[in-house]
Amino acid sequence: MKLLSRIEEIILLSIWRLDDRAYGMAIREEVIKATGKKWLLGAIYGPLGRLYKNGYVLTLKGEPTSERGGRSKVYYRLSREGVKALREIQRVNSVIWNGIEELEFKEE
């Protein structure tokens, strides 16, 4: 299995946290909250498209709303493969960080 990139990991975790409220803008807000950085919506949709193409997320169309000019929101859910990918990256992170208590720069 290919390892997730950091943004893919953050997006998948955001979708997991949002559960049935995971659509583009909500995912973006969750990513901003997690990273403390401003993200353009396009920076979210690029990785989301790859995650969909790779089978890590599924899409569901919501009901059309008048506030969106009759368009439907597209909601995202993790697929079985998406959950597996998150478990794998969690395992890798756990192994790589194991035993590292605090990072300090040591000048020589």
N, C-alpha and C. Protein backbone atom coordinates (compact mmCIF):
# COMPACT_ATOMS: atom_id res chain seq x y z
N MET A 1 0.84 -1.18 0.00
CA MET A 1 0.00 0.00 0.00
C MET A 1 0.89 1.25 0.00
N LYS A 2 0.54 2.20 -0.84
CA LYS A 2 1.27 3.47 -0.92
C LYS A 2 0.95 4.29 0.33
N LEU A 3 2.00 4.89 0.91
CA LEU A 3 1.77 5.75 2.08
C LEU A 3 1.09 7.05 1.68
N LEU A 4 0.24 7.54 2.54
CA LEU A 4 -0.44 8.81 2.31
C LEU A 4 0.54 9.96 2.46
N SER A 5 0.30 11.04 1.71
CA SER A 5 1.04 12.27 1.95
C SER A 5 0.46 12.90 3.21
N ARG A 6 1.15 13.87 3.75
CA ARG A 6 0.68 14.50 4.99
C ARG A 6 -0.68 15.17 4.78
N ILE A 7 -0.87 15.89 3.67
CA ILE A 7 -2.16 16.55 3.43
C ILE A 7 -3.26 15.53 3.22
N GLU A 8 -2.95 14.42 2.55
CA GLU A 8 -3.96 13.36 2.39
C GLU A 8 -4.37 12.81 3.75
N GLU A 9 -3.40 12.61 4.61
CA GLU A 9 -3.68 12.12 5.97
C GLU A 9 -4.59 13.11 6.71
N ILE A 10 -4.24 14.38 6.65
CA ILE A 10 -5.02 15.41 7.35
C ILE A 10 -6.44 15.49 6.80
N ILE A 11 -6.58 15.41 5.48
CA ILE A 11 -7.91 15.46 4.87
C ILE A 11 -8.74 14.24 5.26
N LEU A 12 -8.14 13.05 5.19
CA LEU A 12 -8.89 11.85 5.58
C LEU A 12 -9.31 11.91 7.05
N LEU A 13 -8.43 12.38 7.91
CA LEU A 13 -8.79 12.52 9.33
C LEU A 13 -9.89 13.56 9.52
N SER A 14 -9.85 14.62 8.72
CA SER A 14 -10.90 15.64 8.79
C SER A 14 -12.25 15.06 8.39
N ILE A 15 -12.25 14.26 7.32
CA ILE A 15 -13.49 13.61 6.88
C ILE A 15 -14.00 12.68 7.98
N TRP A 16 -13.10 11.94 8.59
CA TRP A 16 -13.48 11.02 9.68
C TRP A 16 -14.12 11.79 10.83
N ARG A 17 -13.51 12.91 11.20
CA ARG A 17 -14.02 13.72 12.31
C ARG A 17 -15.38 14.34 11.97
N LEU A 18 -15.53 14.80 10.74
CA LEU A 18 -16.78 15.47 10.34
C LEU A 18 -17.93 14.50 10.14
N ASP A 19 -17.63 13.23 9.91
CA ASP A 19 -18.63 12.19 9.72
C ASP A 19 -19.58 12.58 8.58
N ASP A 20 -20.87 12.71 8.84
CA ASP A 20 -21.82 12.96 7.76
C ASP A 20 -21.91 14.44 7.35
N ARG A 21 -21.04 15.29 7.91
CA ARG A 21 -21.00 16.72 7.56
C ARG A 21 -19.79 17.06 6.71
N ALA A 22 -19.13 16.05 6.13
CA ALA A 22 -17.87 16.26 5.40
C ALA A 22 -18.12 16.64 3.94
N TYR A 23 -18.13 17.93 3.67
CA TYR A 23 -18.16 18.43 2.30
C TYR A 23 -17.04 19.45 2.17
N GLY A 24 -16.75 19.91 0.98
CA GLY A 24 -15.58 20.72 0.70
C GLY A 24 -15.26 21.82 1.69
N MET A 25 -16.18 22.74 1.94
CA MET A 25 -15.92 23.87 2.83
C MET A 25 -15.70 23.41 4.27
N ALA A 26 -16.47 22.45 4.72
CA ALA A 26 -16.33 21.95 6.09
C ALA A 26 -14.98 21.26 6.27
N ILE A 27 -14.56 20.50 5.25
CA ILE A 27 -13.25 19.84 5.30
C ILE A 27 -12.16 20.90 5.36
N ARG A 28 -12.27 21.93 4.54
CA ARG A 28 -11.30 23.02 4.54
C ARG A 28 -11.20 23.66 5.92
N GLU A 29 -12.32 23.95 6.54
CA GLU A 29 -12.32 24.56 7.87
C GLU A 29 -11.67 23.65 8.90
N GLU A 30 -11.90 22.36 8.80
CA GLU A 30 -11.29 21.39 9.71
C GLU A 30 -9.77 21.34 9.51
N VAL A 31 -9.33 21.41 8.27
CA VAL A 31 -7.89 21.42 7.96
C VAL A 31 -7.25 22.70 8.51
N ILE A 32 -7.92 23.83 8.34
CA ILE A 32 -7.42 25.11 8.87
C ILE A 32 -7.31 25.03 10.39
N LYS A 33 -8.33 24.49 11.02
CA LYS A 33 -8.32 24.35 12.48
C LYS A 33 -7.16 23.45 12.94
N ALA A 34 -6.93 22.38 12.22
CA ALA A 34 -5.88 21.42 12.61
C ALA A 34 -4.48 21.98 12.38
N THR A 35 -4.28 22.70 11.29
CA THR A 35 -2.93 23.15 10.92
C THR A 35 -2.61 24.57 11.37
N GLY A 36 -3.65 25.35 11.62
CA GLY A 36 -3.42 26.76 11.95
C GLY A 36 -3.00 27.59 10.76
N LYS A 37 -3.13 27.04 9.57
CA LYS A 37 -2.74 27.73 8.33
C LYS A 37 -3.98 27.96 7.46
N LYS A 38 -3.94 29.02 6.67
CA LYS A 38 -5.01 29.32 5.73
C LYS A 38 -4.87 28.42 4.51
N TRP A 39 -5.92 27.76 4.10
CA TRP A 39 -5.90 26.88 2.93
C TRP A 39 -6.93 27.37 1.93
N LEU A 40 -6.52 27.50 0.69
CA LEU A 40 -7.47 27.79 -0.38
C LEU A 40 -8.29 26.54 -0.64
N LEU A 41 -9.51 26.72 -1.08
CA LEU A 41 -10.37 25.58 -1.35
C LEU A 41 -9.77 24.67 -2.41
N GLY A 42 -9.13 25.25 -3.41
CA GLY A 42 -8.48 24.45 -4.46
C GLY A 42 -7.39 23.54 -3.93
N ALA A 43 -6.73 23.97 -2.85
CA ALA A 43 -5.67 23.15 -2.24
C ALA A 43 -6.26 21.94 -1.52
N ILE A 44 -7.54 21.97 -1.26
CA ILE A 44 -8.22 20.84 -0.63
C ILE A 44 -8.77 19.91 -1.72
N TYR A 45 -9.34 20.49 -2.77
CA TYR A 45 -9.98 19.66 -3.80
C TYR A 45 -9.00 18.85 -4.63
N GLY A 46 -7.77 19.33 -4.81
CA GLY A 46 -6.76 18.54 -5.53
C GLY A 46 -6.50 17.20 -4.85
N PRO A 47 -6.09 17.22 -3.57
CA PRO A 47 -5.89 15.96 -2.85
C PRO A 47 -7.17 15.14 -2.71
N LEU A 48 -8.31 15.81 -2.54
CA LEU A 48 -9.58 15.08 -2.45
C LEU A 48 -9.84 14.27 -3.72
N GLY A 49 -9.53 14.88 -4.87
CA GLY A 49 -9.70 14.19 -6.15
C GLY A 49 -8.80 12.96 -6.24
N ARG A 50 -7.56 13.10 -5.78
CA ARG A 50 -6.65 11.94 -5.77
C ARG A 50 -7.14 10.85 -4.82
N LEU A 51 -7.62 11.27 -3.66
CA LEU A 51 -8.12 10.30 -2.69
C LEU A 51 -9.33 9.54 -3.26
N TYR A 52 -10.18 10.26 -3.98
CA TYR A 52 -11.32 9.62 -4.62
C TYR A 52 -10.84 8.65 -5.72
N LYS A 53 -9.93 9.13 -6.56
CA LYS A 53 -9.40 8.31 -7.66
C LYS A 53 -8.73 7.03 -7.14
N ASN A 54 -8.05 7.15 -6.00
CA ASN A 54 -7.36 6.00 -5.41
C ASN A 54 -8.27 5.10 -4.57
N GLY A 55 -9.55 5.47 -4.49
CA GLY A 55 -10.51 4.63 -3.78
C GLY A 55 -10.52 4.79 -2.28
N TYR A 56 -9.96 5.89 -1.76
CA TYR A 56 -9.91 6.10 -0.31
C TYR A 56 -11.14 6.83 0.22
N VAL A 57 -11.85 7.54 -0.67
CA VAL A 57 -13.08 8.21 -0.26
C VAL A 57 -14.20 7.91 -1.25
N LEU A 58 -15.40 7.99 -0.74
CA LEU A 58 -16.61 7.82 -1.54
C LEU A 58 -17.33 9.17 -1.54
N THR A 59 -18.12 9.43 -2.57
CA THR A 59 -18.89 10.68 -2.61
C THR A 59 -20.38 10.37 -2.58
N LEU A 60 -21.10 11.29 -1.97
CA LEU A 60 -22.56 11.21 -1.90
C LEU A 60 -23.10 12.60 -2.19
N LYS A 61 -24.14 12.66 -3.02
CA LYS A 61 -24.74 13.96 -3.32
C LYS A 61 -25.85 14.24 -2.32
N GLY A 62 -25.83 15.48 -1.79
CA GLY A 62 -26.89 15.93 -0.90
C GLY A 62 -28.07 16.44 -1.72
N GLU A 63 -29.07 16.90 -1.01
CA GLU A 63 -30.24 17.48 -1.66
C GLU A 63 -29.89 18.87 -2.21
N PRO A 64 -30.44 19.22 -3.36
CA PRO A 64 -30.21 20.58 -3.89
C PRO A 64 -30.76 21.62 -2.91
N THR A 65 -30.06 22.74 -2.78
CA THR A 65 -30.51 23.79 -1.87
C THR A 65 -30.62 25.11 -2.63
N SER A 66 -31.57 25.94 -2.20
CA SER A 66 -31.75 27.24 -2.84
C SER A 66 -30.55 28.15 -2.58
N GLU A 67 -29.93 28.03 -1.41
CA GLU A 67 -28.76 28.87 -1.09
C GLU A 67 -27.60 28.59 -2.03
N ARG A 68 -27.59 27.43 -2.66
CA ARG A 68 -26.52 27.08 -3.60
C ARG A 68 -27.04 27.13 -5.05
N GLY A 69 -28.11 27.86 -5.27
CA GLY A 69 -28.65 28.01 -6.62
C GLY A 69 -29.20 26.70 -7.18
N GLY A 70 -29.71 25.84 -6.31
CA GLY A 70 -30.28 24.57 -6.74
C GLY A 70 -29.25 23.45 -6.90
N ARG A 71 -28.00 23.75 -6.60
CA ARG A 71 -26.96 22.72 -6.70
C ARG A 71 -26.87 21.92 -5.41
N SER A 72 -26.39 20.71 -5.54
CA SER A 72 -26.23 19.82 -4.39
C SER A 72 -24.81 19.91 -3.84
N LYS A 73 -24.69 19.73 -2.53
CA LYS A 73 -23.37 19.59 -1.93
C LYS A 73 -22.89 18.17 -2.19
N VAL A 74 -21.58 18.01 -2.35
CA VAL A 74 -20.99 16.69 -2.47
C VAL A 74 -20.35 16.36 -1.13
N TYR A 75 -20.82 15.29 -0.52
CA TYR A 75 -20.30 14.84 0.77
C TYR A 75 -19.30 13.72 0.55
N TYR A 76 -18.35 13.63 1.47
CA TYR A 76 -17.30 12.62 1.37
C TYR A 76 -17.35 11.70 2.58
N ARG A 77 -17.04 10.43 2.33
CA ARG A 77 -16.94 9.41 3.37
C ARG A 77 -15.70 8.59 3.11
N LEU A 78 -15.11 8.06 4.16
CA LEU A 78 -13.97 7.16 3.99
C LEU A 78 -14.46 5.80 3.52
N SER A 79 -13.74 5.23 2.57
CA SER A 79 -14.01 3.86 2.14
C SER A 79 -13.23 2.92 3.06
N ARG A 80 -13.43 1.64 2.89
CA ARG A 80 -12.68 0.65 3.65
C ARG A 80 -11.17 0.84 3.41
N GLU A 81 -10.79 1.11 2.14
CA GLU A 81 -9.39 1.34 1.80
C GLU A 81 -8.85 2.61 2.45
N GLY A 82 -9.70 3.63 2.58
CA GLY A 82 -9.28 4.87 3.24
C GLY A 82 -8.98 4.64 4.71
N VAL A 83 -9.80 3.85 5.37
CA VAL A 83 -9.57 3.52 6.78
C VAL A 83 -8.28 2.72 6.91
N LYS A 84 -8.06 1.76 6.00
CA LYS A 84 -6.81 0.97 6.02
C LYS A 84 -5.59 1.88 5.86
N ALA A 85 -5.69 2.84 4.93
CA ALA A 85 -4.57 3.75 4.68
C ALA A 85 -4.27 4.60 5.91
N LEU A 86 -5.32 5.04 6.61
CA LEU A 86 -5.12 5.82 7.83
C LEU A 86 -4.50 4.97 8.93
N ARG A 87 -4.95 3.75 9.06
CA ARG A 87 -4.36 2.85 10.06
C ARG A 87 -2.87 2.63 9.78
N GLU A 88 -2.53 2.48 8.51
CA GLU A 88 -1.13 2.25 8.15
C GLU A 88 -0.27 3.47 8.45
N ILE A 89 -0.75 4.65 8.12
CA ILE A 89 0.05 5.85 8.38
C ILE A 89 0.13 6.11 9.88
N GLN A 90 -0.90 5.75 10.62
CA GLN A 90 -0.86 5.87 12.08
C GLN A 90 0.21 4.93 12.65
N ARG A 91 0.29 3.73 12.11
CA ARG A 91 1.31 2.76 12.56
C ARG A 91 2.71 3.29 12.26
N VAL A 92 2.90 3.80 11.04
CA VAL A 92 4.21 4.33 10.64
C VAL A 92 4.59 5.51 11.55
N ASN A 93 3.66 6.42 11.78
CA ASN A 93 3.95 7.56 12.64
C ASN A 93 4.31 7.11 14.05
N SER A 94 3.61 6.13 14.56
CA SER A 94 3.88 5.61 15.90
C SER A 94 5.29 5.03 15.98
N VAL A 95 5.67 4.25 14.97
CA VAL A 95 7.00 3.64 14.96
C VAL A 95 8.09 4.70 14.84
N ILE A 96 7.92 5.63 13.94
CA ILE A 96 8.97 6.61 13.68
C ILE A 96 9.13 7.59 14.85
N TRP A 97 8.05 7.89 15.57
CA TRP A 97 8.12 8.81 16.70
C TRP A 97 8.42 8.10 18.02
N ASN A 98 8.38 6.78 18.03
CA ASN A 98 8.61 6.03 19.26
C ASN A 98 9.97 6.38 19.88
N GLY A 99 9.96 6.73 21.15
CA GLY A 99 11.20 7.03 21.86
C GLY A 99 11.68 8.46 21.73
N ILE A 100 11.02 9.26 20.92
CA ILE A 100 11.41 10.67 20.78
C ILE A 100 10.49 11.49 21.68
N GLU A 101 11.04 11.94 22.78
CA GLU A 101 10.26 12.68 23.77
C GLU A 101 10.12 14.15 23.38
N GLU A 102 11.26 14.75 23.09
CA GLU A 102 11.26 16.18 22.83
C GLU A 102 12.32 16.49 21.78
N LEU A 103 11.97 17.32 20.85
CA LEU A 103 12.94 17.73 19.84
C LEU A 103 13.62 19.01 20.27
N GLU A 104 14.91 18.98 20.34
CA GLU A 104 15.68 20.18 20.66
C GLU A 104 16.83 20.29 19.69
N PHE A 105 17.08 21.50 19.24
CA PHE A 105 18.21 21.75 18.37
C PHE A 105 19.47 21.86 19.22
N LYS A 106 20.48 21.09 18.88
CA LYS A 106 21.72 21.12 19.64
C LYS A 106 22.79 21.79 18.79
N GLU A 107 23.24 22.93 19.25
CA GLU A 107 24.31 23.62 18.53
C GLU A 107 25.64 23.02 18.94
N GLU A 108 26.52 22.90 17.99
CA GLU A 108 27.84 22.33 18.28
C GLU A 108 28.90 23.37 18.29
